[in-house]
N, C-alpha and C. Protein backbone atom coordinates (compact mmCIF):
# COMPACT_ATOMS: atom_id res chain seq x y z
N MET A 1 -14.32 -2.54 33.91
CA MET A 1 -13.11 -1.73 34.12
C MET A 1 -13.50 -0.40 34.74
N LYS A 2 -12.74 0.02 35.72
CA LYS A 2 -13.00 1.32 36.33
C LYS A 2 -12.41 2.42 35.45
N LEU A 3 -12.95 3.62 35.65
CA LEU A 3 -12.48 4.75 34.86
C LEU A 3 -11.18 5.30 35.46
N LYS A 4 -10.08 4.85 34.91
CA LYS A 4 -8.78 5.33 35.34
C LYS A 4 -8.03 5.89 34.13
N ASN A 5 -7.19 6.88 34.41
CA ASN A 5 -6.39 7.50 33.35
C ASN A 5 -7.26 8.02 32.21
N ILE A 6 -8.44 8.52 32.56
CA ILE A 6 -9.34 9.10 31.57
C ILE A 6 -8.97 10.56 31.34
N LYS A 7 -9.02 11.00 30.11
CA LYS A 7 -8.74 12.40 29.80
C LYS A 7 -9.81 12.93 28.86
N VAL A 8 -9.88 14.25 28.76
CA VAL A 8 -10.85 14.88 27.87
C VAL A 8 -10.60 14.40 26.44
N GLY A 9 -11.68 14.01 25.76
CA GLY A 9 -11.57 13.50 24.40
C GLY A 9 -11.66 11.99 24.34
N ASP A 10 -11.43 11.32 25.48
CA ASP A 10 -11.58 9.87 25.53
C ASP A 10 -13.06 9.50 25.50
N TYR A 11 -13.31 8.21 25.28
CA TYR A 11 -14.69 7.72 25.26
C TYR A 11 -14.94 6.82 26.46
N ILE A 12 -16.16 6.91 26.96
CA ILE A 12 -16.59 6.03 28.04
C ILE A 12 -17.88 5.34 27.60
N GLU A 13 -18.07 4.14 28.07
CA GLU A 13 -19.23 3.33 27.68
C GLU A 13 -20.23 3.25 28.82
N ALA A 14 -21.50 3.52 28.51
CA ALA A 14 -22.54 3.48 29.54
C ALA A 14 -22.87 2.04 29.91
N LYS A 15 -22.92 1.77 31.21
CA LYS A 15 -23.26 0.43 31.68
C LYS A 15 -24.77 0.26 31.84
N LYS A 16 -25.49 1.38 31.81
CA LYS A 16 -26.94 1.32 31.91
C LYS A 16 -27.51 2.63 31.38
N ASP A 17 -28.81 2.65 31.13
CA ASP A 17 -29.48 3.89 30.72
C ASP A 17 -29.52 4.85 31.91
N THR A 18 -29.19 6.10 31.66
CA THR A 18 -29.22 7.06 32.74
C THR A 18 -29.46 8.47 32.22
N TRP A 19 -30.15 9.27 32.98
CA TRP A 19 -30.43 10.67 32.69
C TRP A 19 -31.19 10.88 31.38
N GLY A 20 -31.62 9.84 30.74
CA GLY A 20 -32.34 9.97 29.48
C GLY A 20 -31.46 10.34 28.30
N SER A 21 -30.17 10.58 28.56
CA SER A 21 -29.24 11.00 27.50
C SER A 21 -28.14 9.98 27.24
N PHE A 22 -28.00 9.02 28.13
CA PHE A 22 -26.97 7.99 27.99
C PHE A 22 -27.64 6.63 27.98
N HIS A 23 -27.17 5.77 27.07
CA HIS A 23 -27.85 4.48 26.89
C HIS A 23 -26.85 3.33 26.93
N LYS A 24 -27.26 2.27 27.56
CA LYS A 24 -26.41 1.11 27.81
C LYS A 24 -25.73 0.63 26.51
N GLY A 25 -24.42 0.44 26.61
CA GLY A 25 -23.66 -0.09 25.49
C GLY A 25 -23.11 0.95 24.53
N LYS A 26 -23.61 2.19 24.61
CA LYS A 26 -23.13 3.24 23.71
C LYS A 26 -21.95 3.97 24.33
N THR A 27 -21.11 4.53 23.48
CA THR A 27 -19.95 5.26 23.97
C THR A 27 -20.18 6.76 23.85
N TYR A 28 -19.59 7.51 24.78
CA TYR A 28 -19.78 8.96 24.83
C TYR A 28 -18.43 9.64 25.08
N ARG A 29 -18.25 10.78 24.46
CA ARG A 29 -16.98 11.49 24.56
C ARG A 29 -16.93 12.33 25.84
N VAL A 30 -15.83 12.23 26.56
CA VAL A 30 -15.62 13.01 27.77
C VAL A 30 -15.28 14.44 27.38
N THR A 31 -16.02 15.40 27.93
CA THR A 31 -15.82 16.81 27.57
C THR A 31 -15.15 17.62 28.68
N PHE A 32 -15.21 17.12 29.91
CA PHE A 32 -14.63 17.89 31.03
C PHE A 32 -14.31 16.94 32.17
N ILE A 33 -13.18 17.20 32.82
CA ILE A 33 -12.79 16.45 34.01
C ILE A 33 -12.32 17.43 35.07
N ASP A 34 -12.88 17.32 36.24
CA ASP A 34 -12.45 18.14 37.37
C ASP A 34 -11.15 17.53 37.90
N ASP A 35 -10.04 18.23 37.66
CA ASP A 35 -8.74 17.67 38.04
C ASP A 35 -8.32 18.02 39.47
N CYS A 36 -9.29 18.48 40.24
CA CYS A 36 -8.99 18.77 41.64
C CYS A 36 -8.59 17.47 42.35
N PRO A 37 -7.43 17.43 43.00
CA PRO A 37 -6.98 16.17 43.63
C PRO A 37 -7.89 15.70 44.76
N LEU A 38 -8.75 16.59 45.26
CA LEU A 38 -9.66 16.19 46.34
C LEU A 38 -10.95 15.56 45.81
N SER A 39 -11.11 15.59 44.48
CA SER A 39 -12.33 15.03 43.89
C SER A 39 -12.32 13.52 43.97
N GLU A 40 -13.28 12.96 44.63
CA GLU A 40 -13.40 11.51 44.74
C GLU A 40 -14.87 11.14 44.82
N PRO A 41 -15.48 10.43 43.88
CA PRO A 41 -14.79 9.95 42.68
C PRO A 41 -14.56 11.09 41.67
N LEU A 42 -14.07 10.75 40.49
CA LEU A 42 -13.83 11.74 39.45
C LEU A 42 -15.12 12.48 39.10
N ASN A 43 -15.01 13.77 38.91
CA ASN A 43 -16.14 14.56 38.41
C ASN A 43 -15.97 14.68 36.90
N ILE A 44 -16.89 14.07 36.16
CA ILE A 44 -16.74 13.97 34.71
C ILE A 44 -17.99 14.49 34.00
N LYS A 45 -17.79 15.20 32.90
CA LYS A 45 -18.87 15.55 32.01
C LYS A 45 -18.68 14.79 30.71
N ALA A 46 -19.79 14.35 30.11
CA ALA A 46 -19.73 13.66 28.82
C ALA A 46 -20.86 14.18 27.94
N LEU A 47 -20.65 14.08 26.64
CA LEU A 47 -21.64 14.58 25.69
C LEU A 47 -22.71 13.52 25.46
N GLY A 48 -23.94 13.83 25.87
CA GLY A 48 -25.03 12.88 25.76
C GLY A 48 -25.70 12.88 24.39
N ASP A 49 -26.67 12.01 24.23
CA ASP A 49 -27.40 11.90 22.96
C ASP A 49 -28.20 13.14 22.64
N ASP A 50 -28.48 13.97 23.65
CA ASP A 50 -29.25 15.18 23.41
C ASP A 50 -28.36 16.35 22.97
N GLY A 51 -27.04 16.08 22.82
CA GLY A 51 -26.12 17.11 22.36
C GLY A 51 -25.58 18.00 23.46
N CYS A 52 -25.96 17.73 24.71
CA CYS A 52 -25.48 18.54 25.83
C CYS A 52 -24.46 17.74 26.64
N ASP A 53 -23.44 18.45 27.16
CA ASP A 53 -22.50 17.76 28.05
C ASP A 53 -23.04 17.83 29.48
N LEU A 54 -23.14 16.67 30.09
CA LEU A 54 -23.77 16.55 31.41
C LEU A 54 -22.82 15.86 32.38
N TRP A 55 -22.99 16.18 33.65
CA TRP A 55 -22.23 15.48 34.68
C TRP A 55 -22.70 14.03 34.74
N VAL A 56 -21.77 13.12 34.89
CA VAL A 56 -22.13 11.71 34.96
C VAL A 56 -21.53 11.08 36.21
N ASP A 57 -22.12 9.99 36.62
CA ASP A 57 -21.60 9.22 37.75
C ASP A 57 -20.63 8.19 37.19
N PRO A 58 -19.35 8.26 37.53
CA PRO A 58 -18.38 7.30 36.99
C PRO A 58 -18.77 5.85 37.21
N ALA A 59 -19.56 5.59 38.25
CA ALA A 59 -19.97 4.22 38.53
C ALA A 59 -20.88 3.66 37.45
N ASP A 60 -21.51 4.57 36.67
CA ASP A 60 -22.42 4.13 35.62
C ASP A 60 -21.72 3.93 34.28
N PHE A 61 -20.39 4.13 34.26
CA PHE A 61 -19.64 4.05 33.00
C PHE A 61 -18.37 3.22 33.18
N ARG A 62 -17.81 2.81 32.08
CA ARG A 62 -16.55 2.07 32.07
C ARG A 62 -15.81 2.44 30.80
N LYS A 63 -14.56 2.02 30.71
CA LYS A 63 -13.83 2.20 29.47
C LYS A 63 -14.45 1.30 28.41
N PRO A 64 -14.51 1.77 27.18
CA PRO A 64 -15.13 0.96 26.12
C PRO A 64 -14.46 -0.41 25.98
N ARG A 65 -15.29 -1.40 25.75
CA ARG A 65 -14.75 -2.76 25.56
C ARG A 65 -14.09 -2.90 24.20
N THR A 66 -14.52 -2.08 23.26
CA THR A 66 -13.93 -2.10 21.92
C THR A 66 -13.41 -0.71 21.59
N LYS A 67 -12.36 -0.64 20.80
CA LYS A 67 -11.79 0.64 20.41
C LYS A 67 -12.70 1.32 19.39
N PRO A 68 -12.67 2.66 19.36
CA PRO A 68 -13.46 3.37 18.34
C PRO A 68 -13.06 2.92 16.95
N LYS A 69 -14.03 2.89 16.05
CA LYS A 69 -13.76 2.48 14.67
C LYS A 69 -12.89 3.51 13.96
N GLN A 70 -12.08 3.01 13.04
CA GLN A 70 -11.21 3.89 12.25
C GLN A 70 -11.87 4.18 10.90
N LEU A 71 -11.79 5.43 10.50
CA LEU A 71 -12.38 5.84 9.23
C LEU A 71 -11.42 5.51 8.09
N ASP A 72 -11.92 4.83 7.06
CA ASP A 72 -11.09 4.52 5.89
C ASP A 72 -11.97 4.36 4.66
N GLN A 73 -11.38 3.97 3.55
CA GLN A 73 -12.08 3.86 2.28
C GLN A 73 -13.20 2.82 2.28
N SER A 74 -13.18 1.91 3.25
CA SER A 74 -14.20 0.86 3.28
C SER A 74 -15.61 1.41 3.49
N VAL A 75 -15.73 2.64 4.01
CA VAL A 75 -17.06 3.19 4.22
C VAL A 75 -17.79 3.42 2.90
N PHE A 76 -17.03 3.53 1.79
CA PHE A 76 -17.66 3.78 0.50
C PHE A 76 -18.18 2.50 -0.16
N ASP A 77 -17.80 1.34 0.38
CA ASP A 77 -18.24 0.08 -0.21
C ASP A 77 -19.76 -0.01 -0.24
N GLY A 78 -20.31 -0.20 -1.41
CA GLY A 78 -21.75 -0.34 -1.55
C GLY A 78 -22.52 0.96 -1.60
N LEU A 79 -21.85 2.09 -1.39
CA LEU A 79 -22.51 3.39 -1.43
C LEU A 79 -22.60 3.91 -2.87
N ASP A 80 -23.66 4.66 -3.16
CA ASP A 80 -23.80 5.29 -4.46
C ASP A 80 -22.57 6.15 -4.74
N LYS A 81 -22.17 6.21 -6.00
CA LYS A 81 -20.96 6.94 -6.37
C LYS A 81 -21.08 8.45 -6.16
N LYS A 82 -22.29 8.93 -5.91
CA LYS A 82 -22.44 10.37 -5.69
C LYS A 82 -21.78 10.81 -4.38
N TRP A 83 -21.58 9.85 -3.45
CA TRP A 83 -20.94 10.19 -2.17
C TRP A 83 -19.43 10.13 -2.36
N GLN A 84 -18.78 11.29 -2.35
CA GLN A 84 -17.37 11.39 -2.69
C GLN A 84 -16.45 11.71 -1.51
N PHE A 85 -17.02 12.10 -0.38
CA PHE A 85 -16.19 12.45 0.79
C PHE A 85 -16.83 11.87 2.06
N VAL A 86 -15.99 11.62 3.04
CA VAL A 86 -16.49 11.18 4.34
C VAL A 86 -15.62 11.83 5.42
N ALA A 87 -16.23 12.18 6.54
CA ALA A 87 -15.49 12.80 7.64
C ALA A 87 -16.19 12.50 8.96
N VAL A 88 -15.47 12.68 10.04
CA VAL A 88 -15.99 12.44 11.37
C VAL A 88 -16.12 13.77 12.10
N ASP A 89 -17.16 13.91 12.93
CA ASP A 89 -17.26 15.12 13.74
C ASP A 89 -16.62 14.88 15.10
N GLU A 90 -16.66 15.86 15.96
CA GLU A 90 -15.95 15.74 17.24
C GLU A 90 -16.56 14.69 18.17
N ASP A 91 -17.76 14.20 17.84
CA ASP A 91 -18.41 13.19 18.67
C ASP A 91 -18.26 11.78 18.12
N GLY A 92 -17.47 11.61 17.04
CA GLY A 92 -17.26 10.29 16.49
C GLY A 92 -18.35 9.85 15.53
N MET A 93 -19.18 10.77 15.08
CA MET A 93 -20.21 10.46 14.10
C MET A 93 -19.66 10.73 12.71
N ALA A 94 -19.86 9.78 11.80
CA ALA A 94 -19.35 9.92 10.44
C ALA A 94 -20.47 10.37 9.50
N PHE A 95 -20.11 11.25 8.55
CA PHE A 95 -21.04 11.73 7.53
C PHE A 95 -20.38 11.56 6.16
N VAL A 96 -21.21 11.24 5.16
CA VAL A 96 -20.72 11.19 3.78
C VAL A 96 -21.28 12.39 3.03
N TYR A 97 -20.47 12.92 2.11
CA TYR A 97 -20.80 14.16 1.40
C TYR A 97 -20.69 13.97 -0.10
N GLN A 98 -21.55 14.69 -0.85
CA GLN A 98 -21.46 14.66 -2.30
C GLN A 98 -20.34 15.55 -2.82
N SER A 99 -20.11 16.68 -2.17
CA SER A 99 -19.04 17.59 -2.55
C SER A 99 -18.17 17.86 -1.34
N LYS A 100 -17.01 18.42 -1.57
CA LYS A 100 -16.06 18.61 -0.48
C LYS A 100 -16.61 19.58 0.55
N PRO A 101 -16.72 19.15 1.80
CA PRO A 101 -17.25 20.03 2.85
C PRO A 101 -16.16 20.93 3.42
N ARG A 102 -16.58 21.95 4.15
CA ARG A 102 -15.62 22.83 4.81
C ARG A 102 -15.63 22.56 6.31
N LEU A 103 -14.50 22.84 6.93
CA LEU A 103 -14.35 22.57 8.35
C LEU A 103 -15.11 23.58 9.19
N GLY A 104 -15.94 23.07 10.10
CA GLY A 104 -16.67 23.92 11.02
C GLY A 104 -16.05 23.83 12.41
N SER A 105 -16.74 24.35 13.39
CA SER A 105 -16.19 24.36 14.75
C SER A 105 -16.21 22.99 15.42
N THR A 106 -17.22 22.19 15.09
CA THR A 106 -17.32 20.85 15.70
C THR A 106 -17.57 19.73 14.69
N TYR A 107 -17.72 20.09 13.41
CA TYR A 107 -17.99 19.09 12.38
C TYR A 107 -17.73 19.71 11.01
N PHE A 108 -17.74 18.86 9.98
CA PHE A 108 -17.57 19.33 8.61
C PHE A 108 -18.93 19.73 8.04
N ILE A 109 -18.97 20.86 7.37
CA ILE A 109 -20.23 21.43 6.90
C ILE A 109 -20.39 21.20 5.41
N GLY A 110 -21.48 20.55 5.02
CA GLY A 110 -21.76 20.31 3.61
C GLY A 110 -22.37 21.54 2.96
N GLY A 111 -22.49 21.47 1.63
CA GLY A 111 -23.00 22.62 0.89
C GLY A 111 -24.45 22.96 1.17
N ASN A 112 -25.29 21.94 1.35
CA ASN A 112 -26.70 22.16 1.66
C ASN A 112 -27.25 20.92 2.34
N GLY A 113 -28.51 20.98 2.73
CA GLY A 113 -29.10 19.89 3.49
C GLY A 113 -29.17 18.56 2.76
N CYS A 114 -29.12 18.59 1.42
CA CYS A 114 -29.20 17.35 0.64
C CYS A 114 -27.82 16.83 0.25
N ASP A 115 -26.79 17.58 0.65
CA ASP A 115 -25.43 17.27 0.21
C ASP A 115 -24.75 16.22 1.08
N TYR A 116 -25.30 15.92 2.25
CA TYR A 116 -24.65 14.97 3.14
C TYR A 116 -25.68 14.19 3.95
N VAL A 117 -25.26 13.01 4.43
CA VAL A 117 -26.12 12.19 5.28
C VAL A 117 -25.25 11.53 6.34
N GLU A 118 -25.87 11.17 7.45
CA GLU A 118 -25.16 10.47 8.51
C GLU A 118 -24.82 9.07 8.04
N PHE A 119 -23.59 8.62 8.33
CA PHE A 119 -23.16 7.28 7.93
C PHE A 119 -23.13 6.31 9.10
N GLY A 120 -22.63 6.76 10.24
CA GLY A 120 -22.54 5.86 11.38
C GLY A 120 -21.90 6.56 12.57
N THR A 121 -21.88 5.87 13.71
CA THR A 121 -21.31 6.43 14.94
C THR A 121 -20.21 5.53 15.46
N GLY A 122 -19.53 6.02 16.50
CA GLY A 122 -18.51 5.20 17.15
C GLY A 122 -17.15 5.26 16.49
N TYR A 123 -16.90 6.28 15.68
CA TYR A 123 -15.60 6.41 15.01
C TYR A 123 -14.63 7.22 15.87
N ASP A 124 -13.36 6.95 15.67
CA ASP A 124 -12.31 7.65 16.41
C ASP A 124 -12.31 9.13 16.02
N SER A 125 -12.48 10.00 16.99
CA SER A 125 -12.53 11.43 16.71
C SER A 125 -11.34 12.17 17.32
N THR A 126 -10.29 11.42 17.65
CA THR A 126 -9.12 12.01 18.29
C THR A 126 -8.58 13.19 17.49
N ASN A 127 -8.53 13.03 16.17
CA ASN A 127 -8.03 14.08 15.29
C ASN A 127 -9.07 14.36 14.21
N TRP A 128 -10.31 14.60 14.66
CA TRP A 128 -11.43 14.69 13.72
C TRP A 128 -11.25 15.81 12.70
N GLN A 129 -10.52 16.88 13.05
CA GLN A 129 -10.34 17.99 12.12
C GLN A 129 -9.59 17.58 10.86
N ASN A 130 -8.84 16.49 10.94
CA ASN A 130 -8.09 16.00 9.78
C ASN A 130 -8.62 14.65 9.29
N SER A 131 -9.89 14.40 9.55
CA SER A 131 -10.47 13.09 9.22
C SER A 131 -11.04 13.00 7.80
N LEU A 132 -11.14 14.13 7.10
CA LEU A 132 -11.79 14.15 5.79
C LEU A 132 -11.06 13.23 4.80
N ILE A 133 -11.80 12.34 4.17
CA ILE A 133 -11.26 11.39 3.19
C ILE A 133 -12.03 11.53 1.89
N GLU A 134 -11.30 11.58 0.79
CA GLU A 134 -11.94 11.60 -0.53
C GLU A 134 -11.99 10.19 -1.10
N ARG A 135 -13.08 9.87 -1.73
CA ARG A 135 -13.26 8.54 -2.31
C ARG A 135 -12.22 8.29 -3.39
N GLU A 136 -11.56 7.14 -3.31
CA GLU A 136 -10.59 6.78 -4.33
C GLU A 136 -11.33 6.27 -5.55
N SER A 137 -10.89 6.73 -6.71
CA SER A 137 -11.54 6.33 -7.95
C SER A 137 -11.18 4.89 -8.30
N SER A 138 -12.19 4.10 -8.62
CA SER A 138 -11.96 2.71 -9.03
C SER A 138 -12.28 2.53 -10.51
N GLU A 139 -12.50 3.67 -11.19
CA GLU A 139 -12.87 3.61 -12.61
C GLU A 139 -11.67 3.27 -13.46
N LEU A 140 -11.87 2.40 -14.42
CA LEU A 140 -10.80 2.01 -15.32
C LEU A 140 -10.41 3.17 -16.22
N THR A 141 -9.11 3.30 -16.44
CA THR A 141 -8.61 4.34 -17.33
C THR A 141 -7.46 3.79 -18.18
N GLY A 142 -7.08 4.56 -19.20
CA GLY A 142 -5.90 4.23 -19.99
C GLY A 142 -5.90 2.83 -20.57
N SER A 143 -4.75 2.18 -20.50
CA SER A 143 -4.60 0.86 -21.10
C SER A 143 -5.48 -0.19 -20.42
N GLU A 144 -5.76 0.00 -19.10
CA GLU A 144 -6.64 -0.94 -18.41
C GLU A 144 -8.05 -0.87 -18.98
N LEU A 145 -8.49 0.32 -19.32
CA LEU A 145 -9.81 0.48 -19.93
C LEU A 145 -9.81 -0.16 -21.31
N CYS A 146 -8.72 0.02 -22.05
CA CYS A 146 -8.61 -0.59 -23.37
C CYS A 146 -8.71 -2.11 -23.27
N LYS A 147 -8.00 -2.69 -22.31
CA LYS A 147 -8.04 -4.14 -22.12
C LYS A 147 -9.45 -4.62 -21.80
N ALA A 148 -10.14 -3.87 -20.94
CA ALA A 148 -11.50 -4.26 -20.55
C ALA A 148 -12.46 -4.19 -21.74
N MET A 149 -12.28 -3.19 -22.59
CA MET A 149 -13.15 -3.06 -23.77
C MET A 149 -12.91 -4.18 -24.76
N LEU A 150 -11.65 -4.55 -24.95
CA LEU A 150 -11.34 -5.66 -25.85
C LEU A 150 -11.81 -6.98 -25.27
N ALA A 151 -11.71 -7.12 -23.95
CA ALA A 151 -12.11 -8.36 -23.30
C ALA A 151 -13.60 -8.62 -23.43
N ARG A 152 -14.40 -7.56 -23.47
CA ARG A 152 -15.85 -7.75 -23.59
C ARG A 152 -16.27 -7.99 -25.03
N GLY A 153 -15.32 -7.87 -25.97
CA GLY A 153 -15.63 -8.19 -27.35
C GLY A 153 -15.56 -7.06 -28.35
N ASP A 154 -15.17 -5.85 -27.88
CA ASP A 154 -15.04 -4.74 -28.83
C ASP A 154 -13.98 -5.09 -29.88
N LYS A 155 -14.30 -4.88 -31.15
CA LYS A 155 -13.37 -5.21 -32.24
C LYS A 155 -12.33 -4.12 -32.44
N TYR A 156 -12.75 -2.88 -32.28
CA TYR A 156 -11.83 -1.75 -32.48
C TYR A 156 -11.99 -0.76 -31.34
N VAL A 157 -10.88 -0.20 -30.90
CA VAL A 157 -10.88 0.83 -29.86
C VAL A 157 -10.01 1.98 -30.36
N MET A 158 -10.62 3.17 -30.51
CA MET A 158 -9.85 4.33 -30.94
C MET A 158 -9.01 4.82 -29.76
N CYS A 159 -7.69 4.93 -29.99
CA CYS A 159 -6.77 5.26 -28.90
C CYS A 159 -5.78 6.35 -29.28
N ARG A 160 -5.23 6.97 -28.24
CA ARG A 160 -4.10 7.86 -28.39
C ARG A 160 -2.88 7.11 -27.86
N VAL A 161 -1.76 7.17 -28.59
CA VAL A 161 -0.59 6.37 -28.23
C VAL A 161 0.68 7.20 -28.38
N ASN A 162 1.79 6.62 -27.91
CA ASN A 162 3.12 7.22 -28.07
C ASN A 162 3.95 6.35 -29.02
N ASP A 163 4.68 6.99 -29.91
CA ASP A 163 5.46 6.25 -30.90
C ASP A 163 6.52 5.35 -30.28
N ASP A 164 7.03 5.73 -29.11
CA ASP A 164 8.12 4.94 -28.52
C ASP A 164 7.62 3.70 -27.80
N ASN A 165 6.33 3.46 -27.81
CA ASN A 165 5.78 2.27 -27.16
C ASN A 165 5.31 1.24 -28.18
N ASN A 166 6.00 1.16 -29.31
CA ASN A 166 5.51 0.31 -30.39
C ASN A 166 5.90 -1.16 -30.22
N ILE A 167 5.35 -1.94 -31.11
CA ILE A 167 5.61 -3.38 -31.20
C ILE A 167 5.40 -4.07 -29.86
N GLN A 168 4.24 -3.83 -29.27
CA GLN A 168 3.89 -4.47 -28.01
C GLN A 168 2.46 -4.98 -28.07
N VAL A 169 2.18 -5.97 -27.24
CA VAL A 169 0.84 -6.55 -27.14
C VAL A 169 0.39 -6.52 -25.69
N ILE A 170 -0.85 -6.15 -25.45
CA ILE A 170 -1.39 -6.10 -24.08
C ILE A 170 -2.02 -7.43 -23.73
N SER A 171 -1.35 -8.17 -22.90
CA SER A 171 -1.89 -9.43 -22.35
C SER A 171 -2.61 -10.28 -23.39
N GLY A 172 -2.02 -10.43 -24.54
CA GLY A 172 -2.60 -11.29 -25.56
C GLY A 172 -3.57 -10.60 -26.49
N TRP A 173 -3.96 -9.35 -26.20
CA TRP A 173 -4.86 -8.62 -27.07
C TRP A 173 -4.07 -7.70 -27.99
N THR A 174 -4.54 -7.53 -29.18
CA THR A 174 -3.88 -6.64 -30.12
C THR A 174 -4.48 -5.25 -30.03
N CYS A 175 -3.66 -4.25 -29.74
CA CYS A 175 -4.13 -2.88 -29.62
C CYS A 175 -3.37 -2.02 -30.63
N TYR A 176 -4.12 -1.38 -31.51
CA TYR A 176 -3.50 -0.57 -32.54
C TYR A 176 -3.75 0.91 -32.29
N GLY A 177 -2.78 1.74 -32.72
CA GLY A 177 -2.95 3.18 -32.67
C GLY A 177 -2.43 3.77 -33.96
N PHE A 178 -3.00 4.89 -34.36
CA PHE A 178 -2.58 5.54 -35.61
C PHE A 178 -1.51 6.57 -35.30
N THR A 179 -0.37 6.51 -35.97
CA THR A 179 0.72 7.44 -35.72
C THR A 179 0.85 8.40 -36.89
N SER A 180 0.97 9.67 -36.55
CA SER A 180 1.13 10.68 -37.59
C SER A 180 2.52 10.61 -38.22
N ALA A 181 3.49 10.12 -37.42
CA ALA A 181 4.86 10.09 -37.91
C ALA A 181 5.03 9.11 -39.07
N THR A 182 4.39 7.96 -38.96
CA THR A 182 4.55 6.93 -40.00
C THR A 182 3.32 6.82 -40.89
N ASN A 183 2.23 7.54 -40.48
CA ASN A 183 0.99 7.53 -41.25
C ASN A 183 0.45 6.12 -41.46
N LYS A 184 0.56 5.30 -40.42
CA LYS A 184 0.02 3.94 -40.49
C LYS A 184 -0.27 3.44 -39.07
N TYR A 185 -0.98 2.32 -39.01
CA TYR A 185 -1.31 1.72 -37.73
C TYR A 185 -0.19 0.81 -37.27
N ARG A 186 0.06 0.82 -35.97
CA ARG A 186 1.09 -0.05 -35.42
C ARG A 186 0.62 -0.60 -34.08
N LEU A 187 1.37 -1.53 -33.54
CA LEU A 187 1.07 -2.11 -32.23
C LEU A 187 1.66 -1.23 -31.12
N PHE A 188 0.91 -1.08 -30.02
CA PHE A 188 1.40 -0.27 -28.91
C PHE A 188 1.05 -0.92 -27.57
N LYS A 189 1.85 -0.58 -26.55
CA LYS A 189 1.61 -1.18 -25.23
C LYS A 189 0.83 -0.27 -24.27
N THR A 190 0.76 1.01 -24.56
CA THR A 190 0.05 1.91 -23.64
C THR A 190 -0.99 2.75 -24.37
N PRO A 191 -1.98 2.11 -24.98
CA PRO A 191 -3.02 2.88 -25.67
C PRO A 191 -3.97 3.53 -24.67
N ILE A 192 -4.40 4.74 -24.97
CA ILE A 192 -5.38 5.45 -24.13
C ILE A 192 -6.63 5.67 -24.97
N PRO A 193 -7.72 4.95 -24.66
CA PRO A 193 -8.95 5.12 -25.43
C PRO A 193 -9.41 6.58 -25.42
N ILE A 194 -9.86 7.07 -26.57
CA ILE A 194 -10.32 8.46 -26.68
C ILE A 194 -11.70 8.49 -27.31
N ASN A 195 -12.41 9.62 -27.12
CA ASN A 195 -13.72 9.79 -27.74
C ASN A 195 -13.56 10.52 -29.08
N ASN A 196 -14.67 10.88 -29.68
CA ASN A 196 -14.62 11.52 -31.01
C ASN A 196 -13.98 12.91 -30.99
N GLN A 197 -13.87 13.49 -29.80
CA GLN A 197 -13.24 14.81 -29.67
C GLN A 197 -11.75 14.70 -29.34
N GLY A 198 -11.27 13.47 -29.24
CA GLY A 198 -9.85 13.26 -28.93
C GLY A 198 -9.53 13.29 -27.45
N GLU A 199 -10.57 13.39 -26.59
CA GLU A 199 -10.37 13.41 -25.15
C GLU A 199 -10.37 11.98 -24.61
N PRO A 200 -9.63 11.75 -23.51
CA PRO A 200 -9.62 10.40 -22.91
C PRO A 200 -11.03 9.90 -22.63
N LEU A 201 -11.29 8.69 -23.01
CA LEU A 201 -12.60 8.07 -22.81
C LEU A 201 -12.72 7.61 -21.36
N THR A 202 -13.86 7.84 -20.75
CA THR A 202 -14.09 7.35 -19.39
C THR A 202 -14.76 5.98 -19.44
N ALA A 203 -14.64 5.25 -18.33
CA ALA A 203 -15.26 3.93 -18.27
C ALA A 203 -16.77 4.02 -18.41
N SER A 204 -17.38 5.06 -17.83
CA SER A 204 -18.82 5.20 -17.94
C SER A 204 -19.25 5.48 -19.39
N GLU A 205 -18.44 6.28 -20.09
CA GLU A 205 -18.72 6.55 -21.50
C GLU A 205 -18.61 5.28 -22.34
N ALA A 206 -17.68 4.40 -21.90
CA ALA A 206 -17.48 3.16 -22.63
C ALA A 206 -18.48 2.07 -22.20
N GLY A 207 -19.29 2.38 -21.22
CA GLY A 207 -20.29 1.42 -20.76
C GLY A 207 -19.73 0.40 -19.79
N LEU A 208 -18.63 0.72 -19.11
CA LEU A 208 -18.03 -0.20 -18.14
C LEU A 208 -18.06 0.40 -16.74
C-alpha cells in the first residue's frame, strides 16, 4: 500500500532496514509531514529506534498491515500482582507500573527505576495521555469469599452480617452470623468474613 492520507501521529511500517534506525516489519510513528503542495513525494519524518525523528523515503514504508494493538486488562494476565498500572507512551510502547505513575511530556513517569518495566510495543498511542489503566481486582470478597472458604472445607467462618438478610442459604452452604439484636446465631445471605479485629477478611489472609 502506498502512503496516502497519512497524518502526524499515524504509523507507517518499514518495508526494509534503513538508516540503521528503521527495521523491516516494525511500525514507526509519523512526527512531521511537509504539507507543501509542491512536495512530491511526501516529505515525512518518523521516530526511529534511536529515539530521533528522521526524514524517511516514503518508498521504503507502507501503511501497517495490522492495526496497532489496543491496551486493555489482558496485559495483566500472568503478570505478578505487584504490577498495578499500565500505560502507553507517545511511541506506542507499553509500560507496567507498581504504583500510579504521573503524566510526563511524552510518557508516564514511574516513582523510581525499579517501579516500572517495558511491557511491549506496537500499541495504539492516538490518545496516549489518557491510556493509563489500573489493574482490576480479581480477589474474592464478601459473600463470594465466604462461599470459597466453605467450599474448601472450612467448618466455621466468622462473619459480619445484616439482620434484614436472615433465613437464607448461600448456594447450598450454611452461613451463620451472630446478631446483637437477638443474641443468637442465624442464617444469612450476605455474610462478610472478618478477622479478629472485626475488619473485612481478604482472600490472601484467608489463604485463597
